N, C-alpha and C. Protein backbone atom coordinates (compact mmCIF):
# COMPACT_ATOMS: atom_id res chain seq x y z
N MET A 1 -16.38 -44.99 -46.61
CA MET A 1 -16.99 -43.89 -45.91
C MET A 1 -17.99 -43.25 -46.87
N SER A 2 -19.16 -42.95 -46.34
CA SER A 2 -20.19 -42.37 -47.20
C SER A 2 -19.91 -40.90 -47.45
N TRP A 3 -20.50 -40.38 -48.50
CA TRP A 3 -20.28 -38.99 -48.86
C TRP A 3 -20.82 -38.05 -47.79
N LYS A 4 -21.88 -38.46 -47.03
CA LYS A 4 -22.44 -37.62 -45.98
C LYS A 4 -21.44 -37.48 -44.82
N LYS A 5 -20.80 -38.59 -44.45
CA LYS A 5 -19.79 -38.54 -43.40
C LYS A 5 -18.59 -37.70 -43.83
N MET A 6 -18.19 -37.84 -45.09
CA MET A 6 -17.05 -37.10 -45.60
C MET A 6 -17.34 -35.59 -45.58
N ILE A 7 -18.54 -35.19 -45.98
CA ILE A 7 -18.91 -33.78 -45.95
C ILE A 7 -18.95 -33.29 -44.50
N GLY A 8 -19.43 -34.11 -43.57
CA GLY A 8 -19.45 -33.76 -42.15
C GLY A 8 -18.05 -33.51 -41.61
N TRP A 9 -17.12 -34.41 -41.96
CA TRP A 9 -15.73 -34.24 -41.52
C TRP A 9 -15.12 -32.97 -42.11
N ILE A 10 -15.36 -32.73 -43.38
CA ILE A 10 -14.81 -31.53 -44.02
C ILE A 10 -15.36 -30.28 -43.37
N LEU A 11 -16.68 -30.24 -43.14
CA LEU A 11 -17.29 -29.08 -42.47
C LEU A 11 -16.73 -28.91 -41.06
N GLY A 12 -16.54 -30.00 -40.33
CA GLY A 12 -15.98 -29.94 -38.98
C GLY A 12 -14.58 -29.36 -38.98
N ILE A 13 -13.77 -29.80 -39.94
CA ILE A 13 -12.40 -29.29 -40.05
C ILE A 13 -12.40 -27.81 -40.40
N VAL A 14 -13.24 -27.41 -41.32
CA VAL A 14 -13.31 -26.00 -41.74
C VAL A 14 -13.78 -25.12 -40.57
N VAL A 15 -14.84 -25.56 -39.87
CA VAL A 15 -15.35 -24.78 -38.74
C VAL A 15 -14.31 -24.72 -37.62
N GLY A 16 -13.69 -25.84 -37.29
CA GLY A 16 -12.67 -25.87 -36.25
C GLY A 16 -11.49 -24.97 -36.61
N GLY A 17 -11.07 -25.04 -37.86
CA GLY A 17 -9.98 -24.17 -38.31
C GLY A 17 -10.37 -22.70 -38.23
N GLY A 18 -11.60 -22.40 -38.55
CA GLY A 18 -12.09 -21.02 -38.46
C GLY A 18 -12.06 -20.51 -37.03
N VAL A 19 -12.45 -21.37 -36.09
CA VAL A 19 -12.42 -20.98 -34.68
C VAL A 19 -10.99 -20.68 -34.24
N ILE A 20 -10.06 -21.50 -34.65
CA ILE A 20 -8.65 -21.30 -34.29
C ILE A 20 -8.13 -19.99 -34.89
N VAL A 21 -8.44 -19.74 -36.16
CA VAL A 21 -7.99 -18.51 -36.82
C VAL A 21 -8.62 -17.29 -36.14
N ALA A 22 -9.91 -17.38 -35.80
CA ALA A 22 -10.58 -16.26 -35.13
C ALA A 22 -9.97 -16.00 -33.76
N SER A 23 -9.63 -17.06 -33.03
CA SER A 23 -9.00 -16.90 -31.72
C SER A 23 -7.65 -16.23 -31.83
N LEU A 24 -6.86 -16.65 -32.78
CA LEU A 24 -5.55 -16.04 -33.00
C LEU A 24 -5.69 -14.57 -33.40
N ALA A 25 -6.65 -14.28 -34.26
CA ALA A 25 -6.87 -12.89 -34.68
C ALA A 25 -7.26 -12.03 -33.47
N PHE A 26 -8.14 -12.56 -32.61
CA PHE A 26 -8.54 -11.84 -31.41
C PHE A 26 -7.32 -11.55 -30.55
N TYR A 27 -6.51 -12.54 -30.33
CA TYR A 27 -5.32 -12.38 -29.50
C TYR A 27 -4.39 -11.32 -30.08
N VAL A 28 -4.10 -11.42 -31.36
CA VAL A 28 -3.15 -10.50 -31.99
C VAL A 28 -3.68 -9.07 -31.99
N PHE A 29 -4.91 -8.87 -32.42
CA PHE A 29 -5.43 -7.51 -32.57
C PHE A 29 -5.90 -6.88 -31.28
N ILE A 30 -6.50 -7.64 -30.41
CA ILE A 30 -7.04 -7.07 -29.17
C ILE A 30 -6.00 -7.07 -28.06
N VAL A 31 -5.51 -8.24 -27.71
CA VAL A 31 -4.60 -8.34 -26.58
C VAL A 31 -3.28 -7.64 -26.87
N LEU A 32 -2.60 -8.00 -27.91
CA LEU A 32 -1.31 -7.38 -28.21
C LEU A 32 -1.46 -5.92 -28.59
N GLY A 33 -2.54 -5.57 -29.27
CA GLY A 33 -2.80 -4.18 -29.62
C GLY A 33 -2.92 -3.31 -28.39
N ASN A 34 -3.61 -3.77 -27.36
CA ASN A 34 -3.75 -2.99 -26.12
C ASN A 34 -2.44 -2.91 -25.36
N LEU A 35 -1.66 -3.97 -25.37
CA LEU A 35 -0.39 -3.94 -24.65
C LEU A 35 0.57 -2.97 -25.32
N ASP A 36 0.53 -2.90 -26.64
CA ASP A 36 1.39 -1.96 -27.34
C ASP A 36 1.06 -0.52 -27.00
N LYS A 37 -0.17 -0.24 -26.64
CA LYS A 37 -0.59 1.11 -26.29
C LYS A 37 -0.39 1.40 -24.82
N GLY A 38 0.18 0.46 -24.06
CA GLY A 38 0.43 0.66 -22.65
C GLY A 38 -0.79 0.45 -21.78
N LYS A 39 -1.84 -0.16 -22.32
CA LYS A 39 -3.04 -0.39 -21.53
C LYS A 39 -2.99 -1.77 -20.92
N SER A 40 -3.54 -1.88 -19.75
CA SER A 40 -3.58 -3.17 -19.08
C SER A 40 -4.93 -3.81 -19.32
N ILE A 41 -4.94 -5.09 -19.72
CA ILE A 41 -6.21 -5.78 -19.88
C ILE A 41 -6.43 -6.74 -18.73
N VAL A 42 -5.48 -6.81 -17.81
CA VAL A 42 -5.59 -7.69 -16.67
C VAL A 42 -6.06 -6.87 -15.48
N LYS A 43 -7.11 -7.34 -14.82
CA LYS A 43 -7.64 -6.64 -13.64
C LYS A 43 -6.67 -6.84 -12.49
N LYS A 44 -6.25 -5.74 -11.89
CA LYS A 44 -5.35 -5.79 -10.74
C LYS A 44 -6.15 -6.16 -9.50
N PRO A 45 -5.54 -6.87 -8.55
CA PRO A 45 -6.23 -7.13 -7.29
C PRO A 45 -6.59 -5.82 -6.61
N ASP A 46 -7.68 -5.82 -5.85
CA ASP A 46 -8.13 -4.61 -5.18
C ASP A 46 -7.11 -4.08 -4.19
N ASN A 47 -6.22 -4.93 -3.69
CA ASN A 47 -5.27 -4.48 -2.68
C ASN A 47 -4.03 -3.86 -3.30
N GLU A 48 -3.94 -3.79 -4.60
CA GLU A 48 -2.80 -3.19 -5.25
C GLU A 48 -3.21 -1.86 -5.90
N SER A 49 -2.36 -0.89 -5.80
CA SER A 49 -2.62 0.39 -6.43
C SER A 49 -2.50 0.25 -7.93
N SER A 50 -3.23 1.06 -8.62
CA SER A 50 -3.24 1.00 -10.06
C SER A 50 -2.40 2.12 -10.65
N VAL A 51 -1.17 2.22 -10.21
CA VAL A 51 -0.28 3.26 -10.69
C VAL A 51 -0.07 3.13 -12.19
N VAL A 52 0.14 1.92 -12.66
CA VAL A 52 0.39 1.69 -14.08
C VAL A 52 -0.84 2.08 -14.90
N GLU A 53 -2.04 1.67 -14.45
CA GLU A 53 -3.25 2.02 -15.19
C GLU A 53 -3.47 3.51 -15.18
N ALA A 54 -3.21 4.18 -14.08
CA ALA A 54 -3.41 5.62 -14.00
C ALA A 54 -2.49 6.34 -14.98
N SER A 55 -1.25 5.90 -15.06
CA SER A 55 -0.33 6.57 -15.97
C SER A 55 -0.66 6.26 -17.42
N ALA A 56 -1.22 5.09 -17.69
CA ALA A 56 -1.59 4.74 -19.06
C ALA A 56 -2.72 5.62 -19.55
N ASN A 57 -3.54 6.12 -18.63
CA ASN A 57 -4.65 6.98 -19.01
C ASN A 57 -4.21 8.42 -19.24
N GLU A 58 -2.99 8.77 -18.84
CA GLU A 58 -2.50 10.11 -19.07
C GLU A 58 -2.15 10.27 -20.53
N SER A 59 -2.10 11.50 -20.98
CA SER A 59 -1.84 11.75 -22.39
C SER A 59 -0.36 11.73 -22.74
N GLU A 60 0.51 11.49 -21.76
CA GLU A 60 1.94 11.50 -22.04
C GLU A 60 2.37 10.26 -22.82
N ASP A 61 3.49 10.36 -23.47
CA ASP A 61 4.06 9.26 -24.22
C ASP A 61 4.56 8.20 -23.24
N VAL A 62 4.06 6.96 -23.38
CA VAL A 62 4.40 5.89 -22.45
C VAL A 62 5.90 5.57 -22.49
N ASP A 63 6.51 5.71 -23.66
CA ASP A 63 7.93 5.38 -23.79
C ASP A 63 8.85 6.46 -23.21
N LYS A 64 8.32 7.64 -22.95
CA LYS A 64 9.12 8.74 -22.42
C LYS A 64 9.57 8.41 -21.00
N LYS A 65 10.86 8.52 -20.75
CA LYS A 65 11.39 8.23 -19.42
C LYS A 65 11.64 9.53 -18.68
N VAL A 66 11.16 9.58 -17.46
CA VAL A 66 11.41 10.72 -16.61
C VAL A 66 12.50 10.32 -15.63
N VAL A 67 13.59 11.00 -15.65
CA VAL A 67 14.70 10.68 -14.77
C VAL A 67 14.90 11.87 -13.83
N ASN A 68 14.76 11.62 -12.55
CA ASN A 68 14.98 12.64 -11.55
C ASN A 68 16.44 12.65 -11.15
N GLU A 69 16.95 13.82 -10.89
CA GLU A 69 18.33 13.93 -10.45
C GLU A 69 18.42 13.50 -8.99
N PRO A 70 19.37 12.66 -8.64
CA PRO A 70 19.54 12.29 -7.23
C PRO A 70 19.86 13.53 -6.40
N VAL A 71 19.33 13.55 -5.20
CA VAL A 71 19.56 14.66 -4.28
C VAL A 71 20.93 14.50 -3.63
N ASP A 72 21.55 15.59 -3.29
CA ASP A 72 22.86 15.58 -2.63
C ASP A 72 22.80 14.70 -1.38
N LYS A 73 23.81 13.88 -1.18
CA LYS A 73 23.85 12.96 -0.04
C LYS A 73 23.81 13.66 1.30
N ALA A 74 24.22 14.91 1.36
CA ALA A 74 24.26 15.65 2.63
C ALA A 74 22.86 16.03 3.12
N VAL A 75 21.84 15.90 2.28
CA VAL A 75 20.48 16.29 2.67
C VAL A 75 19.95 15.41 3.79
N VAL A 76 20.26 14.12 3.75
CA VAL A 76 19.83 13.19 4.80
C VAL A 76 21.03 12.37 5.26
N THR A 77 21.32 12.45 6.55
CA THR A 77 22.39 11.65 7.13
C THR A 77 21.85 10.98 8.38
N LEU A 78 21.93 9.66 8.42
CA LEU A 78 21.48 8.93 9.60
C LEU A 78 22.57 9.00 10.68
N ALA A 79 22.19 8.73 11.91
CA ALA A 79 23.12 8.85 13.04
C ALA A 79 24.36 7.98 12.86
N ASP A 80 24.20 6.82 12.19
CA ASP A 80 25.36 5.93 12.00
C ASP A 80 26.22 6.34 10.81
N GLY A 81 25.89 7.48 10.17
CA GLY A 81 26.67 7.98 9.05
C GLY A 81 26.15 7.54 7.69
N THR A 82 25.17 6.64 7.69
CA THR A 82 24.59 6.17 6.42
C THR A 82 23.84 7.32 5.75
N ASP A 83 23.93 7.37 4.44
CA ASP A 83 23.20 8.43 3.72
C ASP A 83 21.75 7.99 3.47
N GLY A 84 20.91 8.97 3.19
CA GLY A 84 19.49 8.71 2.94
C GLY A 84 19.24 7.86 1.71
N HIS A 85 20.13 7.95 0.73
CA HIS A 85 19.95 7.18 -0.50
C HIS A 85 19.95 5.68 -0.21
N SER A 86 20.93 5.23 0.54
CA SER A 86 21.02 3.80 0.87
C SER A 86 19.84 3.35 1.71
N PHE A 87 19.46 4.17 2.67
CA PHE A 87 18.34 3.87 3.55
C PHE A 87 17.06 3.69 2.74
N ILE A 88 16.76 4.63 1.86
CA ILE A 88 15.53 4.59 1.05
C ILE A 88 15.56 3.39 0.11
N SER A 89 16.66 3.19 -0.56
CA SER A 89 16.78 2.09 -1.51
C SER A 89 16.61 0.73 -0.83
N LYS A 90 17.23 0.57 0.33
CA LYS A 90 17.17 -0.70 1.07
C LYS A 90 15.72 -1.06 1.42
N TYR A 91 15.00 -0.09 1.97
CA TYR A 91 13.64 -0.40 2.42
C TYR A 91 12.64 -0.45 1.27
N HIS A 92 12.89 0.30 0.22
CA HIS A 92 12.03 0.16 -0.96
C HIS A 92 12.14 -1.26 -1.52
N GLU A 93 13.36 -1.76 -1.59
CA GLU A 93 13.57 -3.13 -2.08
C GLU A 93 12.90 -4.15 -1.16
N PHE A 94 13.00 -3.95 0.14
CA PHE A 94 12.35 -4.86 1.10
C PHE A 94 10.84 -4.90 0.86
N TYR A 95 10.22 -3.73 0.74
CA TYR A 95 8.77 -3.70 0.55
C TYR A 95 8.36 -4.24 -0.81
N ASN A 96 9.16 -4.01 -1.82
CA ASN A 96 8.87 -4.63 -3.13
C ASN A 96 8.86 -6.15 -3.00
N ASP A 97 9.86 -6.67 -2.30
CA ASP A 97 10.01 -8.12 -2.17
C ASP A 97 8.93 -8.76 -1.29
N THR A 98 8.41 -8.02 -0.33
CA THR A 98 7.49 -8.65 0.63
C THR A 98 6.02 -8.27 0.44
N LEU A 99 5.74 -7.15 -0.23
CA LEU A 99 4.34 -6.71 -0.31
C LEU A 99 3.75 -6.65 -1.71
N CYS A 100 4.57 -6.53 -2.73
CA CYS A 100 4.05 -6.36 -4.09
C CYS A 100 3.39 -7.63 -4.62
N TRP A 101 2.64 -7.45 -5.69
CA TRP A 101 1.98 -8.52 -6.40
C TRP A 101 1.04 -9.34 -5.50
N GLY A 102 0.29 -8.63 -4.67
CA GLY A 102 -0.72 -9.28 -3.85
C GLY A 102 -0.20 -9.94 -2.59
N ARG A 103 1.09 -9.79 -2.31
CA ARG A 103 1.67 -10.44 -1.13
C ARG A 103 1.37 -9.71 0.17
N ILE A 104 0.75 -8.54 0.08
CA ILE A 104 0.48 -7.78 1.30
C ILE A 104 -0.45 -8.56 2.23
N ASP A 105 -1.37 -9.33 1.67
CA ASP A 105 -2.32 -10.09 2.48
C ASP A 105 -1.67 -11.28 3.18
N THR A 106 -0.58 -11.77 2.64
CA THR A 106 0.06 -12.96 3.20
C THR A 106 1.43 -12.66 3.82
N ALA A 107 1.83 -11.40 3.81
CA ALA A 107 3.14 -11.03 4.35
C ALA A 107 3.21 -11.37 5.84
N SER A 108 4.37 -11.81 6.26
CA SER A 108 4.60 -12.15 7.66
C SER A 108 4.57 -10.89 8.52
N TYR A 109 3.63 -10.85 9.45
CA TYR A 109 3.55 -9.68 10.31
C TYR A 109 4.81 -9.53 11.15
N SER A 110 5.34 -10.62 11.67
CA SER A 110 6.54 -10.52 12.51
C SER A 110 7.71 -9.93 11.72
N GLU A 111 7.85 -10.31 10.46
CA GLU A 111 8.92 -9.76 9.62
C GLU A 111 8.67 -8.26 9.36
N GLN A 112 7.42 -7.90 9.12
CA GLN A 112 7.08 -6.50 8.88
C GLN A 112 7.31 -5.66 10.14
N ALA A 113 6.91 -6.18 11.28
CA ALA A 113 7.09 -5.46 12.55
C ALA A 113 8.58 -5.29 12.87
N GLN A 114 9.36 -6.33 12.63
CA GLN A 114 10.79 -6.28 12.88
C GLN A 114 11.44 -5.21 11.99
N THR A 115 11.04 -5.17 10.73
CA THR A 115 11.60 -4.18 9.80
C THR A 115 11.17 -2.77 10.19
N ALA A 116 9.92 -2.61 10.59
CA ALA A 116 9.44 -1.29 11.03
C ALA A 116 10.23 -0.82 12.25
N SER A 117 10.52 -1.73 13.15
CA SER A 117 11.33 -1.40 14.32
C SER A 117 12.74 -0.99 13.91
N GLU A 118 13.30 -1.70 12.95
CA GLU A 118 14.62 -1.38 12.41
C GLU A 118 14.64 0.02 11.79
N ILE A 119 13.56 0.35 11.07
CA ILE A 119 13.44 1.68 10.46
C ILE A 119 13.44 2.75 11.54
N LEU A 120 12.65 2.53 12.58
CA LEU A 120 12.58 3.51 13.67
C LEU A 120 13.94 3.70 14.34
N GLN A 121 14.66 2.61 14.55
CA GLN A 121 15.99 2.71 15.16
C GLN A 121 16.94 3.48 14.25
N SER A 122 16.85 3.22 12.95
CA SER A 122 17.72 3.90 11.98
C SER A 122 17.46 5.40 11.95
N LEU A 123 16.21 5.79 12.19
CA LEU A 123 15.85 7.21 12.08
C LEU A 123 16.11 8.01 13.36
N GLU A 124 16.53 7.34 14.43
CA GLU A 124 16.89 8.07 15.65
C GLU A 124 18.15 8.88 15.37
N GLY A 125 18.06 10.18 15.59
CA GLY A 125 19.21 11.05 15.37
C GLY A 125 19.47 11.40 13.92
N VAL A 126 18.52 11.17 13.03
CA VAL A 126 18.70 11.50 11.62
C VAL A 126 18.80 13.02 11.45
N LYS A 127 19.64 13.45 10.54
CA LYS A 127 19.81 14.87 10.23
C LYS A 127 19.28 15.10 8.81
N ILE A 128 18.28 16.01 8.71
CA ILE A 128 17.64 16.29 7.42
C ILE A 128 17.65 17.79 7.20
N THR A 129 18.10 18.22 6.01
CA THR A 129 18.19 19.65 5.72
C THR A 129 17.10 20.15 4.78
N ASN A 130 16.14 19.30 4.42
CA ASN A 130 15.04 19.70 3.53
C ASN A 130 13.72 19.48 4.26
N LYS A 131 12.89 20.53 4.37
CA LYS A 131 11.65 20.44 5.16
C LYS A 131 10.66 19.43 4.57
N ASP A 132 10.58 19.30 3.25
CA ASP A 132 9.64 18.34 2.65
C ASP A 132 10.07 16.90 2.92
N ILE A 133 11.37 16.64 2.82
CA ILE A 133 11.86 15.30 3.12
C ILE A 133 11.67 15.00 4.61
N ALA A 134 11.85 16.02 5.44
CA ALA A 134 11.63 15.83 6.88
C ALA A 134 10.18 15.41 7.15
N LYS A 135 9.23 16.01 6.44
CA LYS A 135 7.82 15.64 6.59
C LYS A 135 7.60 14.19 6.13
N ASP A 136 8.25 13.81 5.05
CA ASP A 136 8.11 12.43 4.56
C ASP A 136 8.70 11.42 5.54
N PHE A 137 9.83 11.77 6.14
CA PHE A 137 10.44 10.88 7.12
C PHE A 137 9.57 10.80 8.38
N GLU A 138 8.87 11.87 8.72
CA GLU A 138 7.92 11.82 9.84
C GLU A 138 6.78 10.87 9.51
N ALA A 139 6.31 10.91 8.27
CA ALA A 139 5.24 9.99 7.84
C ALA A 139 5.73 8.54 7.90
N ILE A 140 6.98 8.33 7.53
CA ILE A 140 7.57 6.99 7.62
C ILE A 140 7.58 6.54 9.08
N LYS A 141 8.03 7.43 9.97
CA LYS A 141 8.08 7.09 11.40
C LYS A 141 6.69 6.74 11.93
N GLU A 142 5.69 7.55 11.60
CA GLU A 142 4.33 7.32 12.11
C GLU A 142 3.78 5.98 11.64
N ASN A 143 3.98 5.66 10.37
CA ASN A 143 3.50 4.38 9.85
C ASN A 143 4.29 3.21 10.42
N ALA A 144 5.58 3.39 10.61
CA ALA A 144 6.40 2.32 11.21
C ALA A 144 5.95 2.06 12.65
N LYS A 145 5.63 3.12 13.40
CA LYS A 145 5.15 2.95 14.77
C LYS A 145 3.85 2.13 14.79
N ILE A 146 2.98 2.40 13.85
CA ILE A 146 1.70 1.66 13.76
C ILE A 146 1.97 0.18 13.51
N VAL A 147 2.88 -0.11 12.58
CA VAL A 147 3.18 -1.50 12.23
C VAL A 147 3.84 -2.22 13.40
N VAL A 148 4.68 -1.54 14.15
CA VAL A 148 5.31 -2.16 15.32
C VAL A 148 4.24 -2.51 16.35
N LYS A 149 3.25 -1.65 16.50
CA LYS A 149 2.21 -1.83 17.51
C LYS A 149 1.15 -2.85 17.10
N GLU A 150 0.79 -2.92 15.81
CA GLU A 150 -0.30 -3.80 15.38
C GLU A 150 -0.12 -4.24 13.93
N ASP A 151 -0.80 -5.31 13.58
CA ASP A 151 -0.78 -5.85 12.22
C ASP A 151 -1.71 -5.01 11.35
N ASN A 152 -1.18 -3.91 10.86
CA ASN A 152 -1.96 -2.94 10.10
C ASN A 152 -1.45 -2.92 8.66
N ARG A 153 -2.19 -3.56 7.76
CA ARG A 153 -1.75 -3.68 6.36
C ARG A 153 -1.77 -2.34 5.63
N ALA A 154 -2.68 -1.45 6.02
CA ALA A 154 -2.72 -0.12 5.39
C ALA A 154 -1.44 0.66 5.71
N ALA A 155 -0.95 0.56 6.92
CA ALA A 155 0.30 1.24 7.29
C ALA A 155 1.49 0.61 6.55
N MET A 156 1.46 -0.71 6.39
CA MET A 156 2.53 -1.38 5.62
C MET A 156 2.52 -0.87 4.18
N ARG A 157 1.34 -0.80 3.58
CA ARG A 157 1.20 -0.33 2.20
C ARG A 157 1.71 1.11 2.09
N GLN A 158 1.37 1.94 3.08
CA GLN A 158 1.80 3.33 3.04
C GLN A 158 3.32 3.44 3.16
N LEU A 159 3.93 2.61 3.99
CA LEU A 159 5.39 2.60 4.07
C LEU A 159 6.00 2.26 2.71
N HIS A 160 5.47 1.25 2.06
CA HIS A 160 5.99 0.89 0.74
C HIS A 160 5.84 2.06 -0.22
N ARG A 161 4.70 2.71 -0.21
CA ARG A 161 4.47 3.83 -1.13
C ARG A 161 5.40 5.00 -0.85
N LEU A 162 5.63 5.29 0.40
CA LEU A 162 6.55 6.39 0.75
C LEU A 162 7.97 6.08 0.25
N PHE A 163 8.45 4.87 0.52
CA PHE A 163 9.79 4.50 0.06
C PHE A 163 9.86 4.44 -1.47
N HIS A 164 8.80 3.99 -2.11
CA HIS A 164 8.75 3.93 -3.57
C HIS A 164 8.92 5.34 -4.17
N ASP A 165 8.08 6.27 -3.70
CA ASP A 165 8.13 7.62 -4.25
C ASP A 165 9.45 8.31 -3.94
N LEU A 166 9.97 8.12 -2.72
CA LEU A 166 11.26 8.74 -2.38
C LEU A 166 12.40 8.13 -3.19
N ASP A 167 12.31 6.85 -3.50
CA ASP A 167 13.34 6.23 -4.34
C ASP A 167 13.37 6.90 -5.71
N ILE A 168 12.22 7.28 -6.20
CA ILE A 168 12.14 7.95 -7.50
C ILE A 168 12.60 9.40 -7.38
N TYR A 169 12.00 10.16 -6.46
CA TYR A 169 12.29 11.59 -6.36
C TYR A 169 13.61 11.92 -5.69
N PHE A 170 13.97 11.19 -4.64
CA PHE A 170 15.17 11.49 -3.87
C PHE A 170 16.40 10.82 -4.47
N ASN A 171 16.25 9.55 -4.83
CA ASN A 171 17.40 8.79 -5.35
C ASN A 171 17.59 8.91 -6.85
N GLY A 172 16.60 9.46 -7.54
CA GLY A 172 16.72 9.58 -8.99
C GLY A 172 16.48 8.26 -9.71
N TYR A 173 15.76 7.35 -9.05
CA TYR A 173 15.42 6.05 -9.64
C TYR A 173 14.77 6.27 -10.99
N ASP A 174 15.20 5.55 -12.01
CA ASP A 174 14.77 5.75 -13.39
C ASP A 174 13.38 5.14 -13.63
N TYR A 175 12.38 5.80 -13.10
CA TYR A 175 11.00 5.33 -13.19
C TYR A 175 10.14 6.56 -12.95
N HIS A 176 8.99 6.65 -13.55
CA HIS A 176 8.22 7.88 -13.39
C HIS A 176 6.82 7.68 -12.80
N GLN A 177 6.43 6.49 -12.47
CA GLN A 177 5.10 6.25 -11.94
C GLN A 177 5.15 6.25 -10.41
N THR A 178 4.50 7.24 -9.83
CA THR A 178 4.53 7.37 -8.38
C THR A 178 3.11 7.27 -7.81
N PHE A 179 3.04 7.15 -6.50
CA PHE A 179 1.76 7.11 -5.80
C PHE A 179 1.32 8.52 -5.41
N GLY A 180 2.23 9.48 -5.47
CA GLY A 180 1.90 10.85 -5.11
C GLY A 180 1.69 11.05 -3.61
N VAL A 181 2.41 10.30 -2.78
CA VAL A 181 2.21 10.37 -1.34
C VAL A 181 3.28 11.17 -0.60
N THR A 182 4.31 11.63 -1.30
CA THR A 182 5.39 12.34 -0.61
C THR A 182 5.25 13.84 -0.78
N GLU A 183 5.74 14.55 0.23
CA GLU A 183 5.81 16.01 0.14
C GLU A 183 6.94 16.40 -0.83
N PHE A 184 8.05 15.63 -0.74
CA PHE A 184 9.19 15.90 -1.61
C PHE A 184 8.93 15.31 -2.98
N THR A 185 9.06 16.13 -4.01
CA THR A 185 8.84 15.64 -5.37
C THR A 185 9.99 16.04 -6.30
N GLY A 186 11.16 16.15 -5.74
CA GLY A 186 12.33 16.47 -6.55
C GLY A 186 12.69 17.95 -6.44
N GLU A 187 13.82 18.28 -6.99
CA GLU A 187 14.29 19.67 -6.93
C GLU A 187 14.29 20.30 -8.29
């Protein structure tokens, strides 16, 4: 092998190694550095709320946990005797499973309509002793009626947001990022 080819190979190896080292440095300092600060470097789909990004922009400590006290079970009682805590938790989980992470565009309308109908049936004869929670349950009813009547993704999204925020404020769910759509915000 001639000395010119040998120098070419050595330069190629050095340059290639430099590119690899620079890439790793970029990843470590930029990507991991931003994640450690609670910032998102991944663009969220337009159909998803940016609750995480909004809270990352706040001046509060990201590691600080806000825990809401669960509300007394007697505040909401469904006609079948079920408490409001179980009702909120059940439907929040349903909407997380069917609408989150961009699934709202592909969610089965028939499944969403059936669940909205189930929600409306569950709320017949509900007893609520807090006026703010009563307003939130009215908002749930109105959005559920829309979903039963038509394939309305905005109403589905709003149902998820209402159950999400109530799970945090009403049930004391150990999470502090809300959509700010409920009248009830804890006691």
